[in-house]
Amino acid sequence: MPAGTVRAAQVSATRELILTTAERLFAERGVYAVSNRQVSEAAGQGNNAAVGYHFGTKADLVLAIARRHTEQVERARVRMLAEIGDSTELRDWVACLVRPLTEHLAALGSPSWYARFSAQVMTDPALRQIMVEESLTSPTLRRILERLHRCLSELPVEVHAERSDMARQLILHVCAERERALAESAPTARSCWHDAATGLIDAIVGLWLAPVTSRLTGGEE
């Protein structure tokens, strides 16, 4: 095998090892509780600057971790969109948000760290903005959100924004807590990721369709 090919394979393996290690540490401890040096050491790299050399800043590293999972989730979205076509059922579009993620988490096996990593990242304002912008580069996600919004056109704008945030938090943290429980061999409410997704979809549809008892004013009562 040519020396250049060997070198490229070594670099690729090192990058994958760093990404896996960083994802686990960020998931377990939090993004800013873990330094690039700690990631390098935990990944067995003699050079403590290995993370910076291969990925640049911590934000670049976080984005690289997220992109490792994008292709699999995107494939599931494409399949689901083909299955539901032009459905006008809210539940179908909520399912398109939830099931691609839970299918991917199921495929990762246990232990996995992606759900907990995502929940940790979204607590940081700067990283959250980066991740939101990255996610919206997906044409399938943009279509799902557009069709979801069309199903909810009668909701006041401010209520829609509030419930969007609630739904996002439910997806992130329910998945992260289930992932943690599985990693720790703790009991879970549902026996598998498919059933967990069903419960999430039920809850989110109920959240979207809940009565609006007052309009938000933006101030405290």
N, C-alpha and C. Protein backbone atom coordinates (compact mmCIF):
# COMPACT_ATOMS: atom_id res chain seq x y z
N MET A 1 0.85 -1.20 0.00
CA MET A 1 0.00 0.00 0.00
C MET A 1 0.89 1.25 0.00
N PRO A 2 0.63 2.22 -0.88
CA PRO A 2 1.44 3.44 -0.92
C PRO A 2 1.47 4.15 0.42
N ALA A 3 2.62 4.81 0.70
CA ALA A 3 2.77 5.49 1.98
C ALA A 3 1.70 6.56 2.19
N GLY A 4 1.33 7.25 1.10
CA GLY A 4 0.31 8.29 1.22
C GLY A 4 -1.03 7.73 1.61
N THR A 5 -1.36 6.53 1.09
CA THR A 5 -2.62 5.89 1.43
C THR A 5 -2.64 5.47 2.89
N VAL A 6 -1.51 4.92 3.35
CA VAL A 6 -1.39 4.52 4.75
C VAL A 6 -1.55 5.73 5.66
N ARG A 7 -0.90 6.80 5.31
CA ARG A 7 -0.97 8.03 6.11
C ARG A 7 -2.41 8.55 6.17
N ALA A 8 -3.09 8.54 5.03
CA ALA A 8 -4.47 9.02 5.00
C ALA A 8 -5.37 8.16 5.87
N ALA A 9 -5.14 6.84 5.85
CA ALA A 9 -5.94 5.94 6.69
C ALA A 9 -5.68 6.20 8.16
N GLN A 10 -4.43 6.47 8.51
CA GLN A 10 -4.08 6.76 9.90
C GLN A 10 -4.73 8.06 10.37
N VAL A 11 -4.70 9.05 9.51
CA VAL A 11 -5.32 10.34 9.85
C VAL A 11 -6.82 10.16 10.04
N SER A 12 -7.46 9.43 9.14
CA SER A 12 -8.90 9.19 9.25
C SER A 12 -9.24 8.45 10.53
N ALA A 13 -8.44 7.44 10.88
CA ALA A 13 -8.69 6.68 12.11
C ALA A 13 -8.52 7.56 13.34
N THR A 14 -7.52 8.42 13.32
CA THR A 14 -7.28 9.33 14.45
C THR A 14 -8.44 10.31 14.61
N ARG A 15 -8.90 10.84 13.51
CA ARG A 15 -10.03 11.78 13.56
C ARG A 15 -11.28 11.09 14.13
N GLU A 16 -11.55 9.87 13.69
CA GLU A 16 -12.71 9.14 14.18
C GLU A 16 -12.59 8.85 15.67
N LEU A 17 -11.41 8.50 16.12
CA LEU A 17 -11.18 8.23 17.53
C LEU A 17 -11.40 9.49 18.36
N ILE A 18 -10.90 10.61 17.88
CA ILE A 18 -11.09 11.88 18.59
C ILE A 18 -12.57 12.25 18.65
N LEU A 19 -13.27 12.08 17.54
CA LEU A 19 -14.70 12.41 17.51
C LEU A 19 -15.49 11.54 18.49
N THR A 20 -15.23 10.26 18.49
CA THR A 20 -15.93 9.35 19.40
C THR A 20 -15.64 9.70 20.85
N THR A 21 -14.38 9.97 21.15
CA THR A 21 -13.99 10.32 22.51
C THR A 21 -14.61 11.63 22.96
N ALA A 22 -14.56 12.63 22.09
CA ALA A 22 -15.13 13.94 22.44
C ALA A 22 -16.63 13.84 22.64
N GLU A 23 -17.32 13.10 21.78
CA GLU A 23 -18.76 12.95 21.92
C GLU A 23 -19.11 12.35 23.28
N ARG A 24 -18.37 11.32 23.67
CA ARG A 24 -18.63 10.67 24.97
C ARG A 24 -18.36 11.63 26.13
N LEU A 25 -17.22 12.30 26.11
CA LEU A 25 -16.87 13.21 27.21
C LEU A 25 -17.82 14.38 27.29
N PHE A 26 -18.17 14.97 26.16
CA PHE A 26 -19.11 16.09 26.16
C PHE A 26 -20.48 15.64 26.68
N ALA A 27 -20.90 14.44 26.30
CA ALA A 27 -22.19 13.93 26.74
C ALA A 27 -22.21 13.72 28.25
N GLU A 28 -21.14 13.20 28.77
CA GLU A 28 -21.10 12.83 30.19
C GLU A 28 -20.78 14.00 31.12
N ARG A 29 -20.00 14.97 30.64
CA ARG A 29 -19.51 16.03 31.53
C ARG A 29 -19.95 17.43 31.13
N GLY A 30 -20.37 17.63 29.89
CA GLY A 30 -20.69 18.96 29.41
C GLY A 30 -19.59 19.48 28.51
N VAL A 31 -19.95 20.29 27.54
CA VAL A 31 -18.99 20.71 26.52
C VAL A 31 -17.86 21.54 27.11
N TYR A 32 -18.20 22.52 27.94
CA TYR A 32 -17.15 23.42 28.43
C TYR A 32 -16.48 22.93 29.70
N ALA A 33 -16.90 21.78 30.20
CA ALA A 33 -16.19 21.16 31.32
C ALA A 33 -15.04 20.30 30.82
N VAL A 34 -14.95 20.11 29.51
CA VAL A 34 -13.94 19.24 28.91
C VAL A 34 -13.07 20.07 27.97
N SER A 35 -11.78 20.05 28.19
CA SER A 35 -10.86 20.81 27.33
C SER A 35 -10.42 19.96 26.14
N ASN A 36 -9.92 20.63 25.11
CA ASN A 36 -9.37 19.91 23.97
C ASN A 36 -8.21 19.02 24.41
N ARG A 37 -7.44 19.47 25.37
CA ARG A 37 -6.33 18.67 25.89
C ARG A 37 -6.83 17.37 26.51
N GLN A 38 -7.93 17.47 27.29
CA GLN A 38 -8.49 16.26 27.91
C GLN A 38 -9.01 15.28 26.86
N VAL A 39 -9.60 15.82 25.80
CA VAL A 39 -10.06 14.96 24.72
C VAL A 39 -8.87 14.25 24.09
N SER A 40 -7.80 14.98 23.81
CA SER A 40 -6.61 14.39 23.20
C SER A 40 -6.03 13.28 24.08
N GLU A 41 -5.94 13.55 25.38
CA GLU A 41 -5.39 12.56 26.30
C GLU A 41 -6.27 11.32 26.37
N ALA A 42 -7.59 11.52 26.47
CA ALA A 42 -8.51 10.39 26.57
C ALA A 42 -8.52 9.57 25.28
N ALA A 43 -8.21 10.21 24.16
CA ALA A 43 -8.15 9.51 22.88
C ALA A 43 -6.79 8.86 22.65
N GLY A 44 -5.89 8.97 23.65
CA GLY A 44 -4.59 8.33 23.56
C GLY A 44 -3.62 9.00 22.62
N GLN A 45 -3.80 10.28 22.41
CA GLN A 45 -2.93 11.03 21.51
C GLN A 45 -1.75 11.60 22.27
N GLY A 46 -0.54 11.30 21.83
CA GLY A 46 0.64 11.81 22.50
C GLY A 46 0.76 13.32 22.39
N ASN A 47 0.22 13.86 21.32
CA ASN A 47 0.24 15.31 21.11
C ASN A 47 -1.03 15.91 21.70
N ASN A 48 -0.91 16.71 22.75
CA ASN A 48 -2.08 17.28 23.39
C ASN A 48 -2.79 18.32 22.53
N ALA A 49 -2.16 18.72 21.45
CA ALA A 49 -2.79 19.67 20.53
C ALA A 49 -3.47 18.95 19.36
N ALA A 50 -3.67 17.65 19.49
CA ALA A 50 -4.22 16.86 18.37
C ALA A 50 -5.60 17.33 17.95
N VAL A 51 -6.44 17.70 18.93
CA VAL A 51 -7.80 18.13 18.60
C VAL A 51 -7.75 19.39 17.75
N GLY A 52 -6.95 20.36 18.19
CA GLY A 52 -6.82 21.59 17.42
C GLY A 52 -6.24 21.35 16.04
N TYR A 53 -5.29 20.45 15.95
CA TYR A 53 -4.66 20.16 14.66
C TYR A 53 -5.68 19.57 13.68
N HIS A 54 -6.50 18.64 14.15
CA HIS A 54 -7.43 17.95 13.26
C HIS A 54 -8.74 18.70 13.03
N PHE A 55 -9.16 19.51 14.03
CA PHE A 55 -10.50 20.09 13.92
C PHE A 55 -10.55 21.61 14.11
N GLY A 56 -9.58 22.21 14.73
CA GLY A 56 -9.63 23.65 14.96
C GLY A 56 -10.21 23.98 16.31
N THR A 57 -11.23 24.82 16.35
CA THR A 57 -11.82 25.27 17.61
C THR A 57 -12.77 24.22 18.18
N LYS A 58 -13.20 24.45 19.41
CA LYS A 58 -14.17 23.54 20.02
C LYS A 58 -15.48 23.56 19.24
N ALA A 59 -15.88 24.73 18.76
CA ALA A 59 -17.11 24.80 17.96
C ALA A 59 -16.97 23.97 16.69
N ASP A 60 -15.78 23.97 16.07
CA ASP A 60 -15.55 23.14 14.89
C ASP A 60 -15.65 21.66 15.24
N LEU A 61 -15.14 21.30 16.40
CA LEU A 61 -15.20 19.91 16.85
C LEU A 61 -16.64 19.48 17.10
N VAL A 62 -17.41 20.34 17.75
CA VAL A 62 -18.83 20.04 18.01
C VAL A 62 -19.58 19.84 16.70
N LEU A 63 -19.31 20.70 15.73
CA LEU A 63 -19.99 20.60 14.44
C LEU A 63 -19.59 19.31 13.72
N ALA A 64 -18.34 18.93 13.82
CA ALA A 64 -17.89 17.69 13.19
C ALA A 64 -18.56 16.47 13.81
N ILE A 65 -18.76 16.49 15.12
CA ILE A 65 -19.46 15.39 15.80
C ILE A 65 -20.90 15.30 15.28
N ALA A 66 -21.57 16.44 15.24
CA ALA A 66 -22.96 16.45 14.78
C ALA A 66 -23.06 15.93 13.34
N ARG A 67 -22.13 16.31 12.49
CA ARG A 67 -22.19 15.90 11.09
C ARG A 67 -21.95 14.41 10.90
N ARG A 68 -21.33 13.76 11.87
CA ARG A 68 -21.15 12.30 11.80
C ARG A 68 -22.51 11.58 11.75
N HIS A 69 -23.52 12.20 12.36
CA HIS A 69 -24.82 11.56 12.50
C HIS A 69 -25.84 12.04 11.47
N THR A 70 -25.50 13.09 10.74
CA THR A 70 -26.48 13.74 9.86
C THR A 70 -26.97 12.83 8.75
N GLU A 71 -26.06 12.10 8.12
CA GLU A 71 -26.45 11.32 6.94
C GLU A 71 -27.50 10.26 7.27
N GLN A 72 -27.31 9.56 8.40
CA GLN A 72 -28.26 8.51 8.77
C GLN A 72 -29.63 9.10 9.09
N VAL A 73 -29.65 10.20 9.83
CA VAL A 73 -30.92 10.83 10.17
C VAL A 73 -31.60 11.35 8.90
N GLU A 74 -30.81 11.92 8.01
CA GLU A 74 -31.37 12.47 6.77
C GLU A 74 -31.99 11.38 5.91
N ARG A 75 -31.35 10.23 5.85
CA ARG A 75 -31.91 9.12 5.05
C ARG A 75 -33.28 8.71 5.60
N ALA A 76 -33.42 8.67 6.91
CA ALA A 76 -34.70 8.30 7.50
C ALA A 76 -35.76 9.36 7.19
N ARG A 77 -35.38 10.62 7.20
CA ARG A 77 -36.34 11.68 6.86
C ARG A 77 -36.81 11.54 5.42
N VAL A 78 -35.89 11.30 4.52
CA VAL A 78 -36.24 11.15 3.10
C VAL A 78 -37.24 10.01 2.93
N ARG A 79 -36.98 8.89 3.59
CA ARG A 79 -37.88 7.74 3.49
C ARG A 79 -39.26 8.07 4.03
N MET A 80 -39.31 8.73 5.19
CA MET A 80 -40.60 9.05 5.79
C MET A 80 -41.38 10.06 4.95
N LEU A 81 -40.69 11.03 4.38
CA LEU A 81 -41.37 12.00 3.52
C LEU A 81 -41.98 11.32 2.30
N ALA A 82 -41.26 10.36 1.75
CA ALA A 82 -41.80 9.63 0.60
C ALA A 82 -43.04 8.83 0.99
N GLU A 83 -43.05 8.33 2.23
CA GLU A 83 -44.17 7.51 2.69
C GLU A 83 -45.43 8.33 2.94
N ILE A 84 -45.28 9.55 3.50
CA ILE A 84 -46.48 10.30 3.88
C ILE A 84 -46.95 11.27 2.79
N GLY A 85 -46.10 11.53 1.80
CA GLY A 85 -46.51 12.38 0.68
C GLY A 85 -46.98 13.75 1.13
N ASP A 86 -48.20 14.13 0.74
CA ASP A 86 -48.76 15.45 1.07
C ASP A 86 -49.77 15.37 2.21
N SER A 87 -49.50 14.53 3.18
CA SER A 87 -50.42 14.36 4.31
C SER A 87 -50.76 15.71 4.95
N THR A 88 -51.98 15.80 5.41
CA THR A 88 -52.41 16.99 6.16
C THR A 88 -52.59 16.66 7.64
N GLU A 89 -52.11 15.48 8.06
CA GLU A 89 -52.23 15.05 9.45
C GLU A 89 -51.05 15.55 10.27
N LEU A 90 -51.34 16.29 11.32
CA LEU A 90 -50.29 16.81 12.19
C LEU A 90 -49.39 15.69 12.70
N ARG A 91 -49.98 14.57 13.08
CA ARG A 91 -49.20 13.48 13.66
C ARG A 91 -48.12 12.97 12.70
N ASP A 92 -48.43 12.95 11.41
CA ASP A 92 -47.44 12.48 10.43
C ASP A 92 -46.20 13.37 10.44
N TRP A 93 -46.41 14.67 10.54
CA TRP A 93 -45.27 15.60 10.48
C TRP A 93 -44.50 15.63 11.79
N VAL A 94 -45.19 15.43 12.90
CA VAL A 94 -44.48 15.29 14.18
C VAL A 94 -43.63 14.02 14.15
N ALA A 95 -44.19 12.94 13.61
CA ALA A 95 -43.43 11.69 13.50
C ALA A 95 -42.17 11.88 12.66
N CYS A 96 -42.26 12.72 11.63
CA CYS A 96 -41.08 12.98 10.79
C CYS A 96 -39.98 13.71 11.56
N LEU A 97 -40.35 14.43 12.60
CA LEU A 97 -39.35 15.08 13.45
C LEU A 97 -38.73 14.10 14.43
N VAL A 98 -39.54 13.18 14.95
CA VAL A 98 -39.11 12.33 16.06
C VAL A 98 -38.45 11.03 15.58
N ARG A 99 -39.10 10.31 14.70
CA ARG A 99 -38.64 8.95 14.40
C ARG A 99 -37.27 8.85 13.72
N PRO A 100 -36.90 9.77 12.83
CA PRO A 100 -35.55 9.65 12.27
C PRO A 100 -34.47 9.68 13.35
N LEU A 101 -34.65 10.51 14.37
CA LEU A 101 -33.68 10.57 15.46
C LEU A 101 -33.70 9.29 16.29
N THR A 102 -34.89 8.84 16.68
CA THR A 102 -34.95 7.65 17.54
C THR A 102 -34.51 6.39 16.79
N GLU A 103 -34.79 6.32 15.49
CA GLU A 103 -34.29 5.19 14.69
C GLU A 103 -32.76 5.18 14.68
N HIS A 104 -32.18 6.36 14.55
CA HIS A 104 -30.71 6.44 14.54
C HIS A 104 -30.15 6.05 15.91
N LEU A 105 -30.77 6.50 16.97
CA LEU A 105 -30.29 6.15 18.30
C LEU A 105 -30.40 4.65 18.54
N ALA A 106 -31.47 4.04 18.05
CA ALA A 106 -31.62 2.59 18.17
C ALA A 106 -30.51 1.87 17.41
N ALA A 107 -30.19 2.39 16.22
CA ALA A 107 -29.14 1.77 15.40
C ALA A 107 -27.76 1.89 16.04
N LEU A 108 -27.54 2.94 16.82
CA LEU A 108 -26.25 3.12 17.47
C LEU A 108 -26.00 2.08 18.55
N GLY A 109 -27.07 1.51 19.10
CA GLY A 109 -26.91 0.55 20.19
C GLY A 109 -26.63 1.26 21.51
N SER A 110 -26.28 0.48 22.51
CA SER A 110 -26.01 1.05 23.83
C SER A 110 -24.71 0.47 24.39
N PRO A 111 -23.84 1.32 24.95
CA PRO A 111 -24.10 2.74 25.20
C PRO A 111 -23.89 3.58 23.95
N SER A 112 -24.65 4.66 23.88
CA SER A 112 -24.45 5.70 22.87
C SER A 112 -24.43 7.02 23.61
N TRP A 113 -23.99 8.06 22.92
CA TRP A 113 -23.84 9.37 23.58
C TRP A 113 -24.44 10.51 22.79
N TYR A 114 -24.96 10.23 21.61
CA TYR A 114 -25.37 11.32 20.72
C TYR A 114 -26.51 12.16 21.30
N ALA A 115 -27.51 11.53 21.90
CA ALA A 115 -28.64 12.30 22.44
C ALA A 115 -28.18 13.19 23.59
N ARG A 116 -27.34 12.64 24.47
CA ARG A 116 -26.85 13.45 25.60
C ARG A 116 -25.90 14.54 25.12
N PHE A 117 -25.10 14.24 24.13
CA PHE A 117 -24.24 15.26 23.52
C PHE A 117 -25.09 16.41 22.98
N SER A 118 -26.13 16.07 22.24
CA SER A 118 -26.99 17.10 21.64
C SER A 118 -27.65 17.96 22.71
N ALA A 119 -28.12 17.33 23.78
CA ALA A 119 -28.76 18.08 24.86
C ALA A 119 -27.77 19.02 25.52
N GLN A 120 -26.54 18.57 25.72
CA GLN A 120 -25.52 19.43 26.33
C GLN A 120 -25.20 20.62 25.43
N VAL A 121 -25.03 20.37 24.16
CA VAL A 121 -24.68 21.44 23.22
C VAL A 121 -25.75 22.51 23.17
N MET A 122 -27.02 22.09 23.22
CA MET A 122 -28.11 23.05 23.07
C MET A 122 -28.33 23.91 24.30
N THR A 123 -27.60 23.66 25.38
CA THR A 123 -27.70 24.54 26.56
C THR A 123 -26.76 25.74 26.44
N ASP A 124 -25.86 25.72 25.48
CA ASP A 124 -24.93 26.83 25.29
C ASP A 124 -25.43 27.74 24.17
N PRO A 125 -25.66 29.03 24.42
CA PRO A 125 -26.26 29.91 23.41
C PRO A 125 -25.50 29.96 22.09
N ALA A 126 -24.17 30.06 22.15
CA ALA A 126 -23.39 30.18 20.92
C ALA A 126 -23.42 28.88 20.13
N LEU A 127 -23.20 27.77 20.82
CA LEU A 127 -23.22 26.47 20.14
C LEU A 127 -24.62 26.13 19.64
N ARG A 128 -25.62 26.52 20.41
CA ARG A 128 -27.00 26.27 19.99
C ARG A 128 -27.28 26.95 18.65
N GLN A 129 -26.83 28.19 18.51
CA GLN A 129 -27.07 28.90 17.26
C GLN A 129 -26.38 28.21 16.10
N ILE A 130 -25.16 27.74 16.33
CA ILE A 130 -24.42 27.03 15.29
C ILE A 130 -25.17 25.76 14.89
N MET A 131 -25.68 25.03 15.88
CA MET A 131 -26.37 23.78 15.60
C MET A 131 -27.70 24.01 14.89
N VAL A 132 -28.42 25.06 15.29
CA VAL A 132 -29.69 25.37 14.63
C VAL A 132 -29.44 25.73 13.17
N GLU A 133 -28.44 26.56 12.92
CA GLU A 133 -28.13 26.95 11.55
C GLU A 133 -27.71 25.73 10.73
N GLU A 134 -26.93 24.85 11.32
CA GLU A 134 -26.50 23.64 10.62
C GLU A 134 -27.69 22.75 10.29
N SER A 135 -28.59 22.58 11.25
CA SER A 135 -29.74 21.69 11.01
C SER A 135 -30.63 22.21 9.89
N LEU A 136 -30.73 23.54 9.78
CA LEU A 136 -31.62 24.13 8.78
C LEU A 136 -31.02 24.12 7.37
N THR A 137 -29.80 23.60 7.24
CA THR A 137 -29.27 23.38 5.90
C THR A 137 -29.91 22.15 5.26
N SER A 138 -30.62 21.36 6.06
CA SER A 138 -31.29 20.15 5.55
C SER A 138 -32.59 20.53 4.85
N PRO A 139 -32.72 20.25 3.54
CA PRO A 139 -33.99 20.56 2.85
C PRO A 139 -35.15 19.73 3.38
N THR A 140 -34.87 18.51 3.82
CA THR A 140 -35.96 17.68 4.34
C THR A 140 -36.50 18.25 5.64
N LEU A 141 -35.61 18.71 6.53
CA LEU A 141 -36.08 19.29 7.79
C LEU A 141 -36.86 20.56 7.53
N ARG A 142 -36.40 21.39 6.59
CA ARG A 142 -37.13 22.61 6.28
C ARG A 142 -38.53 22.29 5.76
N ARG A 143 -38.64 21.25 4.94
CA ARG A 143 -39.95 20.87 4.43
C ARG A 143 -40.85 20.36 5.56
N ILE A 144 -40.30 19.54 6.44
CA ILE A 144 -41.09 19.03 7.56
C ILE A 144 -41.62 20.18 8.42
N LEU A 145 -40.76 21.13 8.73
CA LEU A 145 -41.19 22.26 9.56
C LEU A 145 -42.23 23.11 8.85
N GLU A 146 -42.06 23.31 7.55
CA GLU A 146 -43.03 24.10 6.79
C GLU A 146 -44.40 23.43 6.80
N ARG A 147 -44.44 22.12 6.59
CA ARG A 147 -45.71 21.41 6.57
C ARG A 147 -46.31 21.30 7.97
N LEU A 148 -45.46 21.18 8.98
CA LEU A 148 -45.94 21.18 10.35
C LEU A 148 -46.60 22.51 10.67
N HIS A 149 -45.97 23.59 10.29
CA HIS A 149 -46.51 24.92 10.53
C HIS A 149 -47.84 25.12 9.79
N ARG A 150 -47.94 24.55 8.60
CA ARG A 150 -49.17 24.67 7.83
C ARG A 150 -50.34 23.99 8.56
N CYS A 151 -50.04 22.89 9.24
CA CYS A 151 -51.08 22.20 10.01
C CYS A 151 -51.54 23.02 11.22
N LEU A 152 -50.71 23.99 11.61
CA LEU A 152 -50.98 24.76 12.83
C LEU A 152 -51.18 26.23 12.53
N SER A 153 -51.68 26.53 11.35
CA SER A 153 -51.76 27.92 10.89
C SER A 153 -52.67 28.79 11.76
N GLU A 154 -53.59 28.18 12.52
CA GLU A 154 -54.51 28.97 13.32
C GLU A 154 -53.93 29.36 14.69
N LEU A 155 -52.78 28.80 15.05
CA LEU A 155 -52.17 29.16 16.32
C LEU A 155 -51.61 30.57 16.26
N PRO A 156 -51.79 31.38 17.31
CA PRO A 156 -51.12 32.68 17.35
C PRO A 156 -49.61 32.51 17.22
N VAL A 157 -48.97 33.46 16.59
CA VAL A 157 -47.54 33.36 16.29
C VAL A 157 -46.72 33.13 17.55
N GLU A 158 -47.05 33.88 18.61
CA GLU A 158 -46.24 33.76 19.83
C GLU A 158 -46.45 32.41 20.51
N VAL A 159 -47.66 31.86 20.41
CA VAL A 159 -47.92 30.54 20.98
C VAL A 159 -47.20 29.47 20.17
N HIS A 160 -47.20 29.65 18.87
CA HIS A 160 -46.49 28.73 18.00
C HIS A 160 -45.01 28.69 18.36
N ALA A 161 -44.39 29.86 18.56
CA ALA A 161 -42.98 29.92 18.92
C ALA A 161 -42.72 29.26 20.27
N GLU A 162 -43.61 29.51 21.22
CA GLU A 162 -43.46 28.93 22.55
C GLU A 162 -43.53 27.40 22.49
N ARG A 163 -44.50 26.88 21.75
CA ARG A 163 -44.68 25.43 21.69
C ARG A 163 -43.61 24.75 20.84
N SER A 164 -43.08 25.46 19.86
CA SER A 164 -41.94 24.93 19.10
C SER A 164 -40.77 24.67 20.03
N ASP A 165 -40.51 25.62 20.91
CA ASP A 165 -39.41 25.46 21.86
C ASP A 165 -39.70 24.32 22.83
N MET A 166 -40.94 24.21 23.30
CA MET A 166 -41.31 23.12 24.19
C MET A 166 -41.11 21.76 23.51
N ALA A 167 -41.55 21.67 22.27
CA ALA A 167 -41.44 20.41 21.53
C ALA A 167 -39.97 20.03 21.33
N ARG A 168 -39.14 21.00 21.00
CA ARG A 168 -37.72 20.74 20.81
C ARG A 168 -37.10 20.24 22.11
N GLN A 169 -37.46 20.87 23.22
CA GLN A 169 -36.92 20.45 24.51
C GLN A 169 -37.36 19.03 24.87
N LEU A 170 -38.61 18.71 24.57
CA LEU A 170 -39.10 17.35 24.84
C LEU A 170 -38.30 16.32 24.05
N ILE A 171 -38.12 16.57 22.77
CA ILE A 171 -37.39 15.61 21.95
C ILE A 171 -35.97 15.43 22.46
N LEU A 172 -35.28 16.55 22.69
CA LEU A 172 -33.89 16.49 23.13
C LEU A 172 -33.74 15.75 24.45
N HIS A 173 -34.50 16.18 25.44
CA HIS A 173 -34.24 15.70 26.79
C HIS A 173 -34.87 14.34 27.09
N VAL A 174 -35.99 14.03 26.47
CA VAL A 174 -36.53 12.68 26.64
C VAL A 174 -35.58 11.67 26.02
N CYS A 175 -35.06 11.96 24.84
CA CYS A 175 -34.10 11.06 24.21
C CYS A 175 -32.82 10.96 25.03
N ALA A 176 -32.34 12.09 25.54
CA ALA A 176 -31.11 12.07 26.33
C ALA A 176 -31.29 11.26 27.61
N GLU A 177 -32.43 11.40 28.28
CA GLU A 177 -32.66 10.66 29.51
C GLU A 177 -32.80 9.17 29.25
N ARG A 178 -33.45 8.81 28.15
CA ARG A 178 -33.56 7.39 27.82
C ARG A 178 -32.19 6.81 27.49
N GLU A 179 -31.40 7.55 26.73
CA GLU A 179 -30.05 7.10 26.40
C GLU A 179 -29.23 6.89 27.66
N ARG A 180 -29.32 7.83 28.60
CA ARG A 180 -28.58 7.71 29.86
C ARG A 180 -29.02 6.47 30.62
N ALA A 181 -30.34 6.28 30.72
CA ALA A 181 -30.86 5.12 31.45
C ALA A 181 -30.38 3.81 30.82
N LEU A 182 -30.40 3.73 29.50
CA LEU A 182 -29.93 2.52 28.83
C LEU A 182 -28.45 2.28 29.09
N ALA A 183 -27.66 3.35 29.07
CA ALA A 183 -26.23 3.22 29.32
C ALA A 183 -25.95 2.73 30.73
N GLU A 184 -26.82 3.09 31.67
CA GLU A 184 -26.66 2.71 33.07
C GLU A 184 -27.45 1.46 33.45
N SER A 185 -28.08 0.82 32.45
CA SER A 185 -28.92 -0.36 32.68
C SER A 185 -30.02 -0.08 33.69
N ALA A 186 -30.54 1.15 33.65
CA ALA A 186 -31.64 1.55 34.53
C ALA A 186 -32.97 1.28 33.82
N PRO A 187 -34.06 1.14 34.59
CA PRO A 187 -35.36 0.90 33.96
C PRO A 187 -35.81 2.08 33.10
N THR A 188 -36.55 1.79 32.04
CA THR A 188 -37.08 2.82 31.16
C THR A 188 -38.59 2.64 31.02
N ALA A 189 -39.28 3.73 30.72
CA ALA A 189 -40.75 3.68 30.63
C ALA A 189 -41.20 2.85 29.44
N ARG A 190 -40.43 2.84 28.38
CA ARG A 190 -40.79 2.10 27.17
C ARG A 190 -39.71 1.06 26.88
N SER A 191 -40.10 -0.03 26.26
CA SER A 191 -39.19 -1.15 26.09
C SER A 191 -38.20 -0.98 24.95
N CYS A 192 -38.49 -0.09 23.99
CA CYS A 192 -37.60 0.09 22.85
C CYS A 192 -37.73 1.52 22.33
N TRP A 193 -36.80 1.90 21.46
CA TRP A 193 -36.80 3.26 20.93
C TRP A 193 -38.04 3.53 20.09
N HIS A 194 -38.54 2.53 19.39
CA HIS A 194 -39.75 2.72 18.58
C HIS A 194 -40.92 3.11 19.47
N ASP A 195 -41.07 2.42 20.58
CA ASP A 195 -42.18 2.73 21.50
C ASP A 195 -41.95 4.07 22.19
N ALA A 196 -40.69 4.37 22.50
CA ALA A 196 -40.38 5.67 23.10
C ALA A 196 -40.76 6.80 22.14
N ALA A 197 -40.51 6.59 20.85
CA ALA A 197 -40.88 7.59 19.85
C ALA A 197 -42.39 7.76 19.80
N THR A 198 -43.13 6.66 19.91
CA THR A 198 -44.59 6.75 19.90
C THR A 198 -45.08 7.60 21.06
N GLY A 199 -44.51 7.39 22.24
CA GLY A 199 -44.89 8.21 23.39
C GLY A 199 -44.56 9.67 23.20
N LEU A 200 -43.41 9.94 22.63
CA LEU A 200 -43.02 11.33 22.35
C LEU A 200 -43.96 11.98 21.35
N ILE A 201 -44.30 11.26 20.31
CA ILE A 201 -45.21 11.80 19.30
C ILE A 201 -46.57 12.09 19.92
N ASP A 202 -47.09 11.17 20.73
CA ASP A 202 -48.35 11.41 21.43
C ASP A 202 -48.29 12.71 22.22
N ALA A 203 -47.20 12.87 22.99
CA ALA A 203 -47.07 14.04 23.87
C ALA A 203 -46.96 15.34 23.06
N ILE A 204 -46.20 15.31 21.98
CA ILE A 204 -45.99 16.53 21.20
C ILE A 204 -47.25 16.92 20.43
N VAL A 205 -47.96 15.94 19.90
CA VAL A 205 -49.23 16.25 19.24
C VAL A 205 -50.19 16.87 20.25
N GLY A 206 -50.25 16.29 21.45
CA GLY A 206 -51.10 16.85 22.50
C GLY A 206 -50.68 18.27 22.87
N LEU A 207 -49.39 18.51 22.91
CA LEU A 207 -48.87 19.85 23.22
C LEU A 207 -49.31 20.85 22.16
N TRP A 208 -49.16 20.49 20.89
CA TRP A 208 -49.54 21.41 19.82
C TRP A 208 -51.03 21.70 19.81
N LEU A 209 -51.84 20.69 20.15
CA LEU A 209 -53.29 20.84 20.06
C LEU A 209 -53.93 21.30 21.37
N ALA A 210 -53.14 21.53 22.39
CA ALA A 210 -53.69 21.98 23.68
C ALA A 210 -54.38 23.33 23.50
N PRO A 211 -55.43 23.60 24.30
CA PRO A 211 -56.13 24.88 24.18
C PRO A 211 -55.23 26.05 24.53
N VAL A 212 -55.50 27.16 23.91
CA VAL A 212 -54.78 28.41 24.21
C VAL A 212 -55.69 29.23 25.08
N THR A 213 -55.36 29.34 26.37
CA THR A 213 -56.27 29.99 27.31
C THR A 213 -56.01 31.49 27.44
N SER A 214 -54.84 31.94 27.00
CA SER A 214 -54.58 33.38 27.04
C SER A 214 -53.48 33.70 26.06
N ARG A 215 -53.47 34.93 25.57
CA ARG A 215 -52.41 35.38 24.67
C ARG A 215 -51.23 35.86 25.48
N LEU A 216 -50.04 35.56 25.00
CA LEU A 216 -48.83 36.01 25.68
C LEU A 216 -48.66 37.51 25.47
N THR A 217 -48.22 38.20 26.51
CA THR A 217 -48.03 39.65 26.42
C THR A 217 -46.58 40.05 26.42
N GLY A 218 -45.71 39.13 26.80
CA GLY A 218 -44.28 39.46 26.85
C GLY A 218 -43.86 40.03 28.18
N GLY A 219 -44.79 40.26 29.10
CA GLY A 219 -44.44 40.79 30.41
C GLY A 219 -44.83 39.82 31.51
N GLU A 220 -44.43 40.14 32.73
CA GLU A 220 -44.76 39.29 33.88
C GLU A 220 -46.07 39.74 34.47
N GLU A 221 -46.81 38.73 35.00
CA GLU A 221 -48.09 39.07 35.63
C GLU A 221 -47.86 39.36 37.11
